[in-house]
Every structure is written in structure tokens, then in C-alpha cells.
Amino acid sequence: MITRTGSEAFLVDSPGWLEYLSEDSKAAAFGHYIENEAAVIVPSLVIYEVYRQVARLRGKTLADRFLSQALHCRVVNFDEMTAVAAANASLEHRLSMPEAILYATARANQAQLVTSNTRFRGLPQTIIL
């Protein structure tokens, strides 16, 4: 069991949300974070990626369910300061653009990035499931 304090914030990446919504093997692990909506921040990039993928593969009903749940969390937009931080994270850690945006967004919001992507291994403020 993962121990958390009430003041922590978490950013679950798009693959984590997809895993949770499709009830795949790591759904419960991601659900541990996602179901605590008050502690979850959702970047607008994640809303785009997950809504698009779910609507295309599983239908608009499930996509709308995701959107409803995501909008109960704290939604954050991509701004100019996060863009610069993402560019620096990309250069420093060799992250792709979406990876760098998510990582920079988590850092800017004092949140831990929750992911199954091992490219984040060893980076501060990350939880690899």
C-alpha cells in the first residue's frame, strides 16, 4: 500500500488514465491516485490525448465519462513558463515533447508524476508503477 499525506498532488499521465479506464493490469494502481480527485491535477494535454484516444477506440460514452471525472480534478493549462521548463527538461533528460510537458507541469504544480513510463526513472517527483 502506498502511503500519502493529504497535501500531496499527483499528475497521472495519459497512459495511466487509459490503463485505468480500460481496467487493464495496472488499473487499480493508477486508480489509487485518480480516485482521489482532490489530489489530482490534469493537464489540458492529458484531456486532449485521453479523450481523443478513448473516443476513437472505445466510444464517446466512455470518453465523456473520462471528461466528467477529469473535470472534477484540478485542470491546468500549458503556459509560457511551463513551455520553457518543458524545453529545458527535454534537453536535460532527453524527454519527448509530451513527456517533457507533463514532467514540467508536474514540477510547476508541486505534484508527483505518476506513470508507467520507465523513461522517467530516476527523475525527482516521479512515481513509476
N, C-alpha and C. Protein backbone atom coordinates (compact mmCIF):
# COMPACT_ATOMS: atom_id res chain seq x y z
N MET A 1 0.84 -1.19 0.00
CA MET A 1 0.00 0.00 0.00
C MET A 1 0.88 1.25 0.00
N ILE A 2 0.51 2.22 -0.79
CA ILE A 2 1.25 3.46 -0.89
C ILE A 2 0.72 4.42 0.17
N THR A 3 1.63 5.03 0.91
CA THR A 3 1.23 5.98 1.94
C THR A 3 1.32 7.39 1.38
N ARG A 4 0.29 8.18 1.63
CA ARG A 4 0.27 9.56 1.14
C ARG A 4 -0.15 10.48 2.27
N THR A 5 0.28 11.71 2.16
CA THR A 5 -0.24 12.73 3.07
C THR A 5 -1.32 13.48 2.33
N GLY A 6 -2.18 14.15 3.03
CA GLY A 6 -3.30 14.85 2.41
C GLY A 6 -2.90 16.03 1.55
N SER A 7 -1.68 16.54 1.69
CA SER A 7 -1.28 17.73 0.96
C SER A 7 -0.58 17.43 -0.36
N GLU A 8 -0.38 16.17 -0.70
CA GLU A 8 0.31 15.84 -1.93
C GLU A 8 -0.60 15.98 -3.14
N ALA A 9 0.01 16.34 -4.26
CA ALA A 9 -0.71 16.41 -5.53
C ALA A 9 -0.06 15.42 -6.49
N PHE A 10 -0.88 14.89 -7.39
CA PHE A 10 -0.43 13.89 -8.34
C PHE A 10 -0.90 14.23 -9.74
N LEU A 11 -0.03 13.99 -10.71
CA LEU A 11 -0.38 14.13 -12.11
C LEU A 11 -0.24 12.75 -12.73
N VAL A 12 -1.36 12.16 -13.14
CA VAL A 12 -1.34 10.85 -13.80
C VAL A 12 -1.25 11.10 -15.29
N ASP A 13 -0.28 10.45 -15.94
CA ASP A 13 -0.11 10.68 -17.37
C ASP A 13 -1.20 9.99 -18.20
N SER A 14 -1.23 10.27 -19.48
CA SER A 14 -2.26 9.73 -20.37
C SER A 14 -2.31 8.21 -20.36
N PRO A 15 -1.17 7.51 -20.49
CA PRO A 15 -1.24 6.04 -20.43
C PRO A 15 -1.81 5.53 -19.11
N GLY A 16 -1.56 6.24 -18.03
CA GLY A 16 -2.13 5.85 -16.74
C GLY A 16 -3.64 5.95 -16.73
N TRP A 17 -4.17 7.06 -17.26
CA TRP A 17 -5.62 7.22 -17.37
C TRP A 17 -6.20 6.14 -18.29
N LEU A 18 -5.52 5.87 -19.40
CA LEU A 18 -6.03 4.85 -20.33
C LEU A 18 -6.04 3.47 -19.67
N GLU A 19 -5.01 3.17 -18.92
CA GLU A 19 -4.94 1.90 -18.18
C GLU A 19 -6.12 1.81 -17.20
N TYR A 20 -6.36 2.88 -16.49
CA TYR A 20 -7.45 2.94 -15.51
C TYR A 20 -8.81 2.77 -16.18
N LEU A 21 -9.04 3.52 -17.24
CA LEU A 21 -10.35 3.49 -17.92
C LEU A 21 -10.63 2.16 -18.59
N SER A 22 -9.60 1.50 -19.07
CA SER A 22 -9.81 0.22 -19.75
C SER A 22 -9.70 -0.97 -18.79
N GLU A 23 -9.48 -0.66 -17.51
CA GLU A 23 -9.42 -1.68 -16.46
C GLU A 23 -8.38 -2.75 -16.76
N ASP A 24 -7.23 -2.30 -17.27
CA ASP A 24 -6.13 -3.21 -17.57
C ASP A 24 -5.36 -3.55 -16.30
N SER A 25 -4.22 -4.19 -16.46
CA SER A 25 -3.50 -4.78 -15.33
C SER A 25 -3.07 -3.79 -14.24
N LYS A 26 -2.80 -2.56 -14.60
CA LYS A 26 -2.37 -1.58 -13.60
C LYS A 26 -3.48 -0.60 -13.23
N ALA A 27 -4.71 -0.93 -13.59
CA ALA A 27 -5.84 -0.03 -13.34
C ALA A 27 -5.98 0.30 -11.85
N ALA A 28 -5.88 -0.67 -11.00
CA ALA A 28 -6.04 -0.43 -9.56
C ALA A 28 -4.93 0.47 -9.02
N ALA A 29 -3.71 0.26 -9.51
CA ALA A 29 -2.59 1.09 -9.05
C ALA A 29 -2.80 2.55 -9.46
N PHE A 30 -3.21 2.77 -10.70
CA PHE A 30 -3.49 4.14 -11.13
C PHE A 30 -4.74 4.68 -10.44
N GLY A 31 -5.73 3.83 -10.23
CA GLY A 31 -6.96 4.23 -9.55
C GLY A 31 -6.70 4.75 -8.16
N HIS A 32 -5.69 4.22 -7.51
CA HIS A 32 -5.31 4.68 -6.17
C HIS A 32 -5.08 6.19 -6.16
N TYR A 33 -4.55 6.71 -7.24
CA TYR A 33 -4.30 8.15 -7.36
C TYR A 33 -5.50 8.88 -7.97
N ILE A 34 -6.01 8.35 -9.08
CA ILE A 34 -7.08 9.01 -9.84
C ILE A 34 -8.34 9.19 -9.01
N GLU A 35 -8.68 8.22 -8.20
CA GLU A 35 -9.94 8.27 -7.46
C GLU A 35 -9.92 9.26 -6.30
N ASN A 36 -8.75 9.82 -6.02
CA ASN A 36 -8.65 10.89 -5.03
C ASN A 36 -8.62 12.21 -5.80
N GLU A 37 -9.77 12.60 -6.36
CA GLU A 37 -9.85 13.73 -7.29
C GLU A 37 -9.28 15.03 -6.72
N ALA A 38 -9.40 15.25 -5.44
CA ALA A 38 -8.91 16.49 -4.84
C ALA A 38 -7.39 16.60 -4.94
N ALA A 39 -6.71 15.48 -5.06
CA ALA A 39 -5.25 15.49 -5.10
C ALA A 39 -4.69 15.40 -6.52
N VAL A 40 -5.55 15.29 -7.52
CA VAL A 40 -5.11 15.06 -8.89
C VAL A 40 -5.17 16.34 -9.71
N ILE A 41 -4.06 16.61 -10.40
CA ILE A 41 -4.09 17.67 -11.39
C ILE A 41 -4.11 17.02 -12.77
N VAL A 42 -4.82 17.63 -13.69
CA VAL A 42 -4.95 17.08 -15.04
C VAL A 42 -4.56 18.17 -16.04
N PRO A 43 -3.43 17.99 -16.72
CA PRO A 43 -3.06 18.96 -17.74
C PRO A 43 -4.03 18.90 -18.93
N SER A 44 -4.23 20.03 -19.56
CA SER A 44 -5.11 20.05 -20.73
C SER A 44 -4.58 19.10 -21.80
N LEU A 45 -3.27 18.88 -21.87
CA LEU A 45 -2.70 17.92 -22.82
C LEU A 45 -3.22 16.51 -22.55
N VAL A 46 -3.35 16.13 -21.30
CA VAL A 46 -3.87 14.80 -20.95
C VAL A 46 -5.34 14.70 -21.34
N ILE A 47 -6.10 15.76 -21.12
CA ILE A 47 -7.51 15.75 -21.53
C ILE A 47 -7.60 15.50 -23.03
N TYR A 48 -6.80 16.21 -23.81
CA TYR A 48 -6.80 16.02 -25.26
C TYR A 48 -6.44 14.58 -25.64
N GLU A 49 -5.31 14.09 -25.13
CA GLU A 49 -4.82 12.78 -25.52
C GLU A 49 -5.79 11.66 -25.12
N VAL A 50 -6.25 11.68 -23.89
CA VAL A 50 -7.11 10.60 -23.40
C VAL A 50 -8.49 10.67 -24.05
N TYR A 51 -9.08 11.84 -24.11
CA TYR A 51 -10.41 11.96 -24.71
C TYR A 51 -10.38 11.48 -26.16
N ARG A 52 -9.39 11.93 -26.92
CA ARG A 52 -9.26 11.53 -28.32
C ARG A 52 -9.12 10.02 -28.48
N GLN A 53 -8.23 9.45 -27.71
CA GLN A 53 -7.95 8.01 -27.81
C GLN A 53 -9.17 7.18 -27.38
N VAL A 54 -9.78 7.54 -26.29
CA VAL A 54 -10.93 6.78 -25.79
C VAL A 54 -12.11 6.92 -26.74
N ALA A 55 -12.38 8.13 -27.23
CA ALA A 55 -13.49 8.32 -28.16
C ALA A 55 -13.28 7.50 -29.43
N ARG A 56 -12.04 7.46 -29.91
CA ARG A 56 -11.73 6.71 -31.14
C ARG A 56 -11.83 5.21 -30.95
N LEU A 57 -11.33 4.71 -29.83
CA LEU A 57 -11.23 3.26 -29.64
C LEU A 57 -12.39 2.66 -28.86
N ARG A 58 -12.98 3.42 -27.94
CA ARG A 58 -13.99 2.84 -27.04
C ARG A 58 -15.33 3.55 -27.10
N GLY A 59 -15.40 4.69 -27.78
CA GLY A 59 -16.67 5.37 -27.95
C GLY A 59 -16.80 6.63 -27.11
N LYS A 60 -17.73 7.45 -27.54
CA LYS A 60 -17.94 8.76 -26.92
C LYS A 60 -18.48 8.65 -25.49
N THR A 61 -19.23 7.62 -25.18
CA THR A 61 -19.78 7.49 -23.83
C THR A 61 -18.66 7.37 -22.80
N LEU A 62 -17.69 6.50 -23.05
CA LEU A 62 -16.57 6.35 -22.12
C LEU A 62 -15.70 7.60 -22.13
N ALA A 63 -15.53 8.21 -23.29
CA ALA A 63 -14.75 9.45 -23.37
C ALA A 63 -15.40 10.55 -22.53
N ASP A 64 -16.71 10.64 -22.59
CA ASP A 64 -17.42 11.63 -21.78
C ASP A 64 -17.33 11.32 -20.29
N ARG A 65 -17.31 10.02 -19.95
CA ARG A 65 -17.14 9.63 -18.54
C ARG A 65 -15.77 10.08 -18.04
N PHE A 66 -14.74 9.87 -18.87
CA PHE A 66 -13.40 10.35 -18.52
C PHE A 66 -13.42 11.86 -18.32
N LEU A 67 -14.01 12.59 -19.27
CA LEU A 67 -14.03 14.04 -19.19
C LEU A 67 -14.71 14.53 -17.92
N SER A 68 -15.82 13.91 -17.58
CA SER A 68 -16.54 14.27 -16.36
C SER A 68 -15.65 14.07 -15.13
N GLN A 69 -14.96 12.96 -15.09
CA GLN A 69 -14.09 12.68 -13.95
C GLN A 69 -12.89 13.63 -13.94
N ALA A 70 -12.29 13.87 -15.08
CA ALA A 70 -11.12 14.75 -15.16
C ALA A 70 -11.47 16.17 -14.75
N LEU A 71 -12.65 16.63 -15.12
CA LEU A 71 -13.04 18.00 -14.80
C LEU A 71 -13.36 18.20 -13.32
N HIS A 72 -13.48 17.10 -12.55
CA HIS A 72 -13.62 17.20 -11.10
C HIS A 72 -12.26 17.35 -10.42
N CYS A 73 -11.21 17.15 -11.17
CA CYS A 73 -9.86 17.34 -10.68
C CYS A 73 -9.45 18.78 -10.96
N ARG A 74 -8.24 19.12 -10.62
CA ARG A 74 -7.74 20.47 -10.92
C ARG A 74 -7.10 20.46 -12.30
N VAL A 75 -7.72 21.11 -13.26
CA VAL A 75 -7.22 21.17 -14.63
C VAL A 75 -6.23 22.32 -14.73
N VAL A 76 -5.07 22.04 -15.34
CA VAL A 76 -4.05 23.07 -15.54
C VAL A 76 -3.73 23.20 -17.02
N ASN A 77 -3.54 24.43 -17.45
CA ASN A 77 -3.24 24.70 -18.85
C ASN A 77 -1.75 24.88 -19.06
N PHE A 78 -1.33 24.74 -20.28
CA PHE A 78 0.06 24.88 -20.68
C PHE A 78 0.34 26.36 -20.93
N ASP A 79 1.23 26.93 -20.13
CA ASP A 79 1.53 28.36 -20.27
C ASP A 79 2.99 28.55 -20.68
N GLU A 80 3.36 29.80 -20.84
CA GLU A 80 4.71 30.10 -21.34
C GLU A 80 5.82 29.67 -20.39
N MET A 81 5.61 29.79 -19.10
CA MET A 81 6.65 29.38 -18.14
C MET A 81 6.83 27.86 -18.16
N THR A 82 5.73 27.14 -18.26
CA THR A 82 5.82 25.68 -18.33
C THR A 82 6.45 25.26 -19.65
N ALA A 83 6.20 26.02 -20.72
CA ALA A 83 6.81 25.71 -22.02
C ALA A 83 8.33 25.79 -21.94
N VAL A 84 8.84 26.81 -21.30
CA VAL A 84 10.29 26.96 -21.16
C VAL A 84 10.85 25.86 -20.26
N ALA A 85 10.16 25.57 -19.17
CA ALA A 85 10.60 24.49 -18.27
C ALA A 85 10.57 23.15 -19.00
N ALA A 86 9.58 22.93 -19.84
CA ALA A 86 9.49 21.69 -20.61
C ALA A 86 10.63 21.58 -21.61
N ALA A 87 10.95 22.67 -22.26
CA ALA A 87 12.07 22.66 -23.21
C ALA A 87 13.37 22.31 -22.49
N ASN A 88 13.57 22.90 -21.32
CA ASN A 88 14.78 22.59 -20.54
C ASN A 88 14.78 21.14 -20.06
N ALA A 89 13.64 20.64 -19.62
CA ALA A 89 13.55 19.24 -19.18
C ALA A 89 13.82 18.29 -20.34
N SER A 90 13.32 18.64 -21.51
CA SER A 90 13.56 17.83 -22.70
C SER A 90 15.05 17.74 -23.01
N LEU A 91 15.71 18.87 -22.97
CA LEU A 91 17.15 18.90 -23.25
C LEU A 91 17.95 18.18 -22.17
N GLU A 92 17.61 18.42 -20.93
CA GLU A 92 18.38 17.85 -19.81
C GLU A 92 18.18 16.35 -19.65
N HIS A 93 16.95 15.89 -19.85
CA HIS A 93 16.63 14.48 -19.58
C HIS A 93 16.31 13.67 -20.83
N ARG A 94 16.45 14.30 -22.00
CA ARG A 94 16.17 13.63 -23.28
C ARG A 94 14.75 13.08 -23.34
N LEU A 95 13.80 13.92 -22.97
CA LEU A 95 12.39 13.54 -22.99
C LEU A 95 11.75 14.03 -24.28
N SER A 96 10.75 13.31 -24.76
CA SER A 96 9.98 13.77 -25.91
C SER A 96 9.17 15.00 -25.49
N MET A 97 8.60 15.69 -26.46
CA MET A 97 7.83 16.89 -26.13
C MET A 97 6.69 16.59 -25.14
N PRO A 98 5.81 15.60 -25.41
CA PRO A 98 4.73 15.35 -24.43
C PRO A 98 5.26 14.94 -23.06
N GLU A 99 6.32 14.12 -23.03
CA GLU A 99 6.90 13.72 -21.74
C GLU A 99 7.42 14.94 -20.99
N ALA A 100 8.12 15.81 -21.68
CA ALA A 100 8.68 16.99 -21.04
C ALA A 100 7.59 17.94 -20.55
N ILE A 101 6.52 18.08 -21.33
CA ILE A 101 5.41 18.95 -20.90
C ILE A 101 4.78 18.41 -19.62
N LEU A 102 4.55 17.10 -19.57
CA LEU A 102 3.94 16.52 -18.37
C LEU A 102 4.87 16.65 -17.17
N TYR A 103 6.14 16.37 -17.37
CA TYR A 103 7.09 16.47 -16.27
C TYR A 103 7.18 17.91 -15.76
N ALA A 104 7.29 18.87 -16.67
CA ALA A 104 7.37 20.27 -16.27
C ALA A 104 6.08 20.74 -15.60
N THR A 105 4.96 20.26 -16.08
CA THR A 105 3.67 20.62 -15.47
C THR A 105 3.58 20.08 -14.04
N ALA A 106 4.01 18.85 -13.86
CA ALA A 106 4.01 18.27 -12.51
C ALA A 106 4.90 19.09 -11.58
N ARG A 107 6.08 19.42 -12.04
CA ARG A 107 7.01 20.18 -11.21
C ARG A 107 6.47 21.57 -10.89
N ALA A 108 5.88 22.23 -11.90
CA ALA A 108 5.36 23.59 -11.70
C ALA A 108 4.20 23.62 -10.70
N ASN A 109 3.53 22.48 -10.55
CA ASN A 109 2.38 22.40 -9.65
C ASN A 109 2.68 21.60 -8.38
N GLN A 110 3.97 21.43 -8.08
CA GLN A 110 4.41 20.68 -6.91
C GLN A 110 3.69 19.34 -6.80
N ALA A 111 3.57 18.66 -7.93
CA ALA A 111 2.90 17.36 -7.97
C ALA A 111 3.91 16.28 -8.35
N GLN A 112 3.59 15.07 -7.96
CA GLN A 112 4.38 13.93 -8.39
C GLN A 112 3.76 13.38 -9.68
N LEU A 113 4.60 13.08 -10.65
CA LEU A 113 4.15 12.49 -11.90
C LEU A 113 4.00 10.99 -11.69
N VAL A 114 2.79 10.48 -11.91
CA VAL A 114 2.50 9.05 -11.76
C VAL A 114 2.40 8.45 -13.15
N THR A 115 3.25 7.46 -13.43
CA THR A 115 3.38 6.93 -14.78
C THR A 115 3.87 5.49 -14.75
N SER A 116 3.74 4.81 -15.86
CA SER A 116 4.38 3.51 -16.03
C SER A 116 5.54 3.62 -17.01
N ASN A 117 5.80 4.83 -17.48
CA ASN A 117 6.85 5.08 -18.47
C ASN A 117 8.21 5.09 -17.78
N THR A 118 9.02 4.08 -18.09
CA THR A 118 10.33 3.95 -17.43
C THR A 118 11.34 5.01 -17.88
N ARG A 119 11.01 5.80 -18.90
CA ARG A 119 11.91 6.90 -19.31
C ARG A 119 12.02 7.95 -18.19
N PHE A 120 11.07 7.95 -17.26
CA PHE A 120 11.10 8.90 -16.15
C PHE A 120 11.87 8.36 -14.95
N ARG A 121 12.33 7.12 -15.02
CA ARG A 121 13.01 6.51 -13.88
C ARG A 121 14.20 7.37 -13.45
N GLY A 122 14.27 7.61 -12.15
CA GLY A 122 15.37 8.37 -11.58
C GLY A 122 15.13 9.87 -11.52
N LEU A 123 14.07 10.36 -12.14
CA LEU A 123 13.78 11.79 -12.10
C LEU A 123 13.03 12.14 -10.82
N PRO A 124 13.38 13.27 -10.21
CA PRO A 124 12.66 13.68 -8.99
C PRO A 124 11.16 13.84 -9.27
N GLN A 125 10.40 13.65 -8.23
CA GLN A 125 8.95 13.85 -8.26
C GLN A 125 8.24 12.90 -9.24
N THR A 126 8.73 11.68 -9.37
CA THR A 126 8.05 10.70 -10.22
C THR A 126 7.78 9.43 -9.45
N ILE A 127 6.66 8.82 -9.78
CA ILE A 127 6.28 7.51 -9.24
C ILE A 127 6.08 6.62 -10.44
N ILE A 128 6.88 5.58 -10.54
CA ILE A 128 6.77 4.62 -11.65
C ILE A 128 5.99 3.41 -11.14
N LEU A 129 4.88 3.12 -11.79
CA LEU A 129 4.08 1.95 -11.41
C LEU A 129 4.39 0.78 -12.33
